[in-house]
Amino acid sequence: EAAVLVVGGLASVIGLYAAGIAVSMGASEVVYWDADEQRRRVAAGLGATALDMTSALPRAFGIVVDAGGSVDGLQRALAAAEPEALFTSVVIYFDNATPLPLRDMYLKGITLRTGRPNVRPQMESVLRLCHSGSFRPNDVPTTVFDFDRADEAWLSTDLRIAVTRDV
């Protein structure tokens, strides 16, 4: 059971869900690292240890989820990955020249995964966590936008965004 680091920020709902699911799955430790106090409170309510990004990280992590969206946070999270860590970035870095510490990643043997994930293979296990009550996605606050306000939802800094379209 690996220790998990979740960097919160831009993809706030994904980061909070990642922290809650990691706790529910029995990770040895889950640290949620974010500059936003409200999201840290939610993460703590989900069972994660919530740290401000000014805090030093207490250890190295075998699993890292980057939901932050800042280059500095990305680089600091990569530095906190232990050798052979699995590092997943769930945010889009729009600059094609986003710097990565490739030498350090190479020496540690870090696996970096980014892009839209195929969630189908894990869906049933996550639904079992929800059904059992060990993970409660409704504990993450929600703001709902209709489809015609999707651009506003994309730019929103709320904790969780849901975009719907009435048919």
C-alpha atoms as a PDB file:
ATOM      1  CA  GLU A   1       0.000   0.000   0.000  1.00  0.00           C
ATOM      2  CA  ALA A   2       1.746   3.077  -1.287  1.00  0.00           C
ATOM      3  CA  ALA A   3       1.636   6.556   0.153  1.00  0.00           C
ATOM      4  CA  VAL A   4      -0.303   8.905  -2.137  1.00  0.00           C
ATOM      5  CA  LEU A   5       0.266  12.595  -2.842  1.00  0.00           C
ATOM      6  CA  VAL A   6      -2.508  14.574  -4.514  1.00  0.00           C
ATOM      7  CA  VAL A   7      -1.666  18.071  -5.733  1.00  0.00           C
ATOM      8  CA  GLY A   8      -4.892  20.069  -5.735  1.00  0.00           C
ATOM      9  CA  GLY A   9      -5.720  23.062  -7.853  1.00  0.00           C
ATOM     10  CA  LEU A  10      -7.016  23.516 -11.381  1.00  0.00           C
ATOM     11  CA  ALA A  11      -8.702  20.101 -11.684  1.00  0.00           C
ATOM     12  CA  SER A  12     -10.176  20.474  -8.219  1.00  0.00           C
ATOM     13  CA  VAL A  13     -12.894  17.837  -8.402  1.00  0.00           C
ATOM     14  CA  ILE A  14     -10.515  15.210  -9.761  1.00  0.00           C
ATOM     15  CA  GLY A  15      -7.946  15.985  -7.067  1.00  0.00           C
ATOM     16  CA  LEU A  16     -10.518  15.756  -4.284  1.00  0.00           C
ATOM     17  CA  TYR A  17     -11.983  12.549  -5.689  1.00  0.00           C
ATOM     18  CA  ALA A  18      -8.476  11.087  -6.036  1.00  0.00           C
ATOM     19  CA  ALA A  19      -7.752  11.866  -2.383  1.00  0.00           C
ATOM     20  CA  GLY A  20     -11.055  10.412  -1.191  1.00  0.00           C
ATOM     21  CA  ILE A  21     -10.738   7.266  -3.293  1.00  0.00           C
ATOM     22  CA  ALA A  22      -7.133   6.712  -2.162  1.00  0.00           C
ATOM     23  CA  VAL A  23      -8.268   6.940   1.478  1.00  0.00           C
ATOM     24  CA  SER A  24     -11.174   4.555   0.783  1.00  0.00           C
ATOM     25  CA  MET A  25      -8.865   2.052  -0.904  1.00  0.00           C
ATOM     26  CA  GLY A  26      -6.619   1.927   2.162  1.00  0.00           C
ATOM     27  CA  ALA A  27      -3.522   3.824   1.024  1.00  0.00           C
ATOM     28  CA  SER A  28      -0.920   3.853   3.786  1.00  0.00           C
ATOM     29  CA  GLU A  29      -1.051   7.670   3.767  1.00  0.00           C
ATOM     30  CA  VAL A  30      -2.852  10.256   1.627  1.00  0.00           C
ATOM     31  CA  VAL A  31      -1.547  13.815   1.543  1.00  0.00           C
ATOM     32  CA  TYR A  32      -3.608  16.460  -0.230  1.00  0.00           C
ATOM     33  CA  TRP A  33      -1.382  19.463  -1.033  1.00  0.00           C
ATOM     34  CA  ASP A  34      -3.137  22.648  -2.178  1.00  0.00           C
ATOM     35  CA  ALA A  35      -2.963  26.422  -1.745  1.00  0.00           C
ATOM     36  CA  ASP A  36      -6.758  26.681  -1.342  1.00  0.00           C
ATOM     37  CA  GLU A  37      -7.983  26.470   2.249  1.00  0.00           C
ATOM     38  CA  GLN A  38     -11.546  25.460   1.346  1.00  0.00           C
ATOM     39  CA  ARG A  39     -10.393  22.508  -0.775  1.00  0.00           C
ATOM     40  CA  ARG A  40      -7.976  21.471   1.992  1.00  0.00           C
ATOM     41  CA  ARG A  41     -10.904  21.380   4.438  1.00  0.00           C
ATOM     42  CA  VAL A  42     -12.882  19.169   2.055  1.00  0.00           C
ATOM     43  CA  ALA A  43      -9.871  16.861   1.576  1.00  0.00           C
ATOM     44  CA  ALA A  44      -9.419  16.588   5.350  1.00  0.00           C
ATOM     45  CA  GLY A  45     -13.102  15.691   5.629  1.00  0.00           C
ATOM     46  CA  LEU A  46     -12.465  12.889   3.146  1.00  0.00           C
ATOM     47  CA  GLY A  47      -9.722  11.535   5.428  1.00  0.00           C
ATOM     48  CA  ALA A  48      -6.594  12.949   3.767  1.00  0.00           C
ATOM     49  CA  THR A  49      -3.863  14.887   5.530  1.00  0.00           C
ATOM     50  CA  ALA A  50      -4.286  18.367   4.065  1.00  0.00           C
ATOM     51  CA  LEU A  51      -1.206  20.571   3.693  1.00  0.00           C
ATOM     52  CA  ASP A  52      -0.773  24.085   2.366  1.00  0.00           C
ATOM     53  CA  MET A  53       1.593  24.273  -0.595  1.00  0.00           C
ATOM     54  CA  THR A  54       3.964  26.375   1.495  1.00  0.00           C
ATOM     55  CA  SER A  55       4.465  23.290   3.683  1.00  0.00           C
ATOM     56  CA  ALA A  56       7.305  20.890   3.041  1.00  0.00           C
ATOM     57  CA  LEU A  57       6.137  17.449   2.067  1.00  0.00           C
ATOM     58  CA  PRO A  58       6.728  14.921   4.872  1.00  0.00           C
ATOM     59  CA  ARG A  59       8.086  12.080   2.739  1.00  0.00           C
ATOM     60  CA  ALA A  60       8.418  10.599  -0.739  1.00  0.00           C
ATOM     61  CA  PHE A  61       5.340   9.102  -2.398  1.00  0.00           C
ATOM     62  CA  GLY A  62       4.837   5.992  -4.504  1.00  0.00           C
ATOM     63  CA  ILE A  63       1.743   7.420  -6.214  1.00  0.00           C
ATOM     64  CA  VAL A  64       1.355  11.068  -7.187  1.00  0.00           C
ATOM     65  CA  VAL A  65      -1.694  12.700  -8.780  1.00  0.00           C
ATOM     66  CA  ASP A  66      -1.116  16.167 -10.235  1.00  0.00           C
ATOM     67  CA  ALA A  67      -4.433  18.015 -10.389  1.00  0.00           C
ATOM     68  CA  GLY A  68      -2.773  21.358  -9.735  1.00  0.00           C
ATOM     69  CA  GLY A  69      -1.982  22.927 -13.072  1.00  0.00           C
ATOM     70  CA  SER A  70       1.033  24.973 -11.994  1.00  0.00           C
ATOM     71  CA  VAL A  71       4.513  24.276 -13.321  1.00  0.00           C
ATOM     72  CA  ASP A  72       6.032  24.904  -9.894  1.00  0.00           C
ATOM     73  CA  GLY A  73       3.621  22.441  -8.256  1.00  0.00           C
ATOM     74  CA  LEU A  74       4.313  19.887 -10.988  1.00  0.00           C
ATOM     75  CA  GLN A  75       8.062  20.116 -10.476  1.00  0.00           C
ATOM     76  CA  ARG A  76       7.808  19.993  -6.674  1.00  0.00           C
ATOM     77  CA  ALA A  77       5.500  16.974  -6.875  1.00  0.00           C
ATOM     78  CA  LEU A  78       7.899  15.193  -9.227  1.00  0.00           C
ATOM     79  CA  ALA A  79      10.693  15.869  -6.728  1.00  0.00           C
ATOM     80  CA  ALA A  80       8.529  14.254  -4.021  1.00  0.00           C
ATOM     81  CA  ALA A  81       8.005  11.071  -6.035  1.00  0.00           C
ATOM     82  CA  GLU A  82       9.915   8.074  -4.739  1.00  0.00           C
ATOM     83  CA  PRO A  83      11.917   5.790  -7.041  1.00  0.00           C
ATOM     84  CA  GLU A  84       9.650   3.786  -9.391  1.00  0.00           C
ATOM     85  CA  ALA A  85       6.685   6.060  -8.533  1.00  0.00           C
ATOM     86  CA  LEU A  86       3.561   6.182 -10.652  1.00  0.00           C
ATOM     87  CA  PHE A  87       2.904   9.845 -11.492  1.00  0.00           C
ATOM     88  CA  THR A  88      -0.366  10.850 -13.160  1.00  0.00           C
ATOM     89  CA  SER A  89      -1.089  14.385 -14.336  1.00  0.00           C
ATOM     90  CA  VAL A  90      -4.798  15.015 -14.911  1.00  0.00           C
ATOM     91  CA  VAL A  91      -4.475  18.644 -15.995  1.00  0.00           C
ATOM     92  CA  ILE A  92      -3.646  20.187 -19.340  1.00  0.00           C
ATOM     93  CA  TYR A  93      -0.465  22.225 -19.531  1.00  0.00           C
ATOM     94  CA  PHE A  94      -1.146  24.393 -22.570  1.00  0.00           C
ATOM     95  CA  ASP A  95       2.455  25.456 -23.050  1.00  0.00           C
ATOM     96  CA  ASN A  96       4.199  22.886 -25.256  1.00  0.00           C
ATOM     97  CA  ALA A  97       7.462  23.791 -23.539  1.00  0.00           C
ATOM     98  CA  THR A  98       6.418  22.867 -19.972  1.00  0.00           C
ATOM     99  CA  PRO A  99       9.701  22.029 -18.234  1.00  0.00           C
ATOM    100  CA  LEU A 100      10.113  18.575 -16.708  1.00  0.00           C
ATOM    101  CA  PRO A 101      13.088  17.354 -14.682  1.00  0.00           C
ATOM    102  CA  LEU A 102      13.653  14.461 -17.085  1.00  0.00           C
ATOM    103  CA  ARG A 103      17.109  13.546 -15.762  1.00  0.00           C
ATOM    104  CA  ASP A 104      15.799  13.201 -12.208  1.00  0.00           C
ATOM    105  CA  MET A 105      12.748  11.294 -13.463  1.00  0.00           C
ATOM    106  CA  TYR A 106      15.017   8.980 -15.438  1.00  0.00           C
ATOM    107  CA  LEU A 107      17.286   8.314 -12.461  1.00  0.00           C
ATOM    108  CA  LYS A 108      14.273   7.545 -10.240  1.00  0.00           C
ATOM    109  CA  GLY A 109      12.509   5.461 -12.907  1.00  0.00           C
ATOM    110  CA  ILE A 110       9.287   7.468 -12.596  1.00  0.00           C
ATOM    111  CA  THR A 111       6.368   6.475 -14.809  1.00  0.00           C
ATOM    112  CA  LEU A 112       4.558   9.606 -16.059  1.00  0.00           C
ATOM    113  CA  ARG A 113       1.036   9.281 -17.385  1.00  0.00           C
ATOM    114  CA  THR A 114      -0.986  12.176 -18.714  1.00  0.00           C
ATOM    115  CA  GLY A 115      -4.028  12.650 -20.928  1.00  0.00           C
ATOM    116  CA  ARG A 116      -7.635  11.667 -20.768  1.00  0.00           C
ATOM    117  CA  PRO A 117      -7.833   8.381 -18.887  1.00  0.00           C
ATOM    118  CA  ASN A 118      -9.820   5.321 -19.807  1.00  0.00           C
ATOM    119  CA  VAL A 119     -11.837   5.056 -16.596  1.00  0.00           C
ATOM    120  CA  ARG A 120     -14.022   2.131 -17.619  1.00  0.00           C
ATOM    121  CA  PRO A 121     -11.728  -0.616 -16.234  1.00  0.00           C
ATOM    122  CA  GLN A 122     -11.803   0.989 -12.736  1.00  0.00           C
ATOM    123  CA  MET A 123     -15.440   2.108 -12.754  1.00  0.00           C
ATOM    124  CA  GLU A 124     -16.876  -0.983 -11.069  1.00  0.00           C
ATOM    125  CA  SER A 125     -14.394  -0.886  -8.179  1.00  0.00           C
ATOM    126  CA  VAL A 126     -15.083   2.834  -7.597  1.00  0.00           C
ATOM    127  CA  LEU A 127     -18.832   2.200  -7.706  1.00  0.00           C
ATOM    128  CA  ARG A 128     -18.355  -0.533  -5.074  1.00  0.00           C
ATOM    129  CA  LEU A 129     -16.560   2.003  -2.855  1.00  0.00           C
ATOM    130  CA  CYS A 130     -19.483   4.410  -3.310  1.00  0.00           C
ATOM    131  CA  HIS A 131     -22.083   1.714  -2.683  1.00  0.00           C
ATOM    132  CA  SER A 132     -20.306   0.565   0.485  1.00  0.00           C
ATOM    133  CA  GLY A 133     -20.239   4.140   1.795  1.00  0.00           C
ATOM    134  CA  SER A 134     -16.451   4.211   2.173  1.00  0.00           C
ATOM    135  CA  PHE A 135     -16.267   6.897  -0.539  1.00  0.00           C
ATOM    136  CA  ARG A 136     -19.010   9.515  -0.707  1.00  0.00           C
ATOM    137  CA  PRO A 137     -18.624  11.732  -3.780  1.00  0.00           C
ATOM    138  CA  ASN A 138     -21.439  13.959  -2.521  1.00  0.00           C
ATOM    139  CA  ASP A 139     -19.078  15.177   0.219  1.00  0.00           C
ATOM    140  CA  VAL A 140     -17.426  17.300  -2.483  1.00  0.00           C
ATOM    141  CA  PRO A 141     -19.428  20.548  -2.890  1.00  0.00           C
ATOM    142  CA  THR A 142     -21.118  20.993  -6.255  1.00  0.00           C
ATOM    143  CA  THR A 143     -21.921  23.894  -8.538  1.00  0.00           C
ATOM    144  CA  VAL A 144     -24.039  23.002 -11.567  1.00  0.00           C
ATOM    145  CA  PHE A 145     -23.918  24.983 -14.799  1.00  0.00           C
ATOM    146  CA  ASP A 146     -26.178  24.384 -17.797  1.00  0.00           C
ATOM    147  CA  PHE A 147     -24.501  23.576 -21.098  1.00  0.00           C
ATOM    148  CA  ASP A 148     -24.884  27.120 -22.440  1.00  0.00           C
ATOM    149  CA  ARG A 149     -22.678  28.349 -19.586  1.00  0.00           C
ATOM    150  CA  ALA A 150     -19.948  25.746 -20.142  1.00  0.00           C
ATOM    151  CA  ASP A 151     -17.349  28.452 -20.822  1.00  0.00           C
ATOM    152  CA  GLU A 152     -18.108  29.970 -17.418  1.00  0.00           C
ATOM    153  CA  ALA A 153     -17.875  26.529 -15.792  1.00  0.00           C
ATOM    154  CA  TRP A 154     -14.486  25.933 -17.408  1.00  0.00           C
ATOM    155  CA  LEU A 155     -13.148  29.135 -15.854  1.00  0.00           C
ATOM    156  CA  SER A 156     -14.851  28.677 -12.477  1.00  0.00           C
ATOM    157  CA  THR A 157     -12.727  28.274  -9.360  1.00  0.00           C
ATOM    158  CA  ASP A 158     -15.493  26.422  -7.486  1.00  0.00           C
ATOM    159  CA  LEU A 159     -14.657  23.106  -5.889  1.00  0.00           C
ATOM    160  CA  ARG A 160     -16.547  20.886  -8.303  1.00  0.00           C
ATOM    161  CA  ILE A 161     -18.058  21.676 -11.642  1.00  0.00           C
ATOM    162  CA  ALA A 162     -20.780  19.734 -13.377  1.00  0.00           C
ATOM    163  CA  VAL A 163     -21.968  20.760 -16.830  1.00  0.00           C
ATOM    164  CA  THR A 164     -25.355  19.500 -17.938  1.00  0.00           C
ATOM    165  CA  ARG A 165     -27.544  19.921 -20.988  1.00  0.00           C
ATOM    166  CA  ASP A 166     -31.308  19.683 -20.875  1.00  0.00           C
ATOM    167  CA  VAL A 167     -32.542  17.562 -23.754  1.00  0.00           C
END
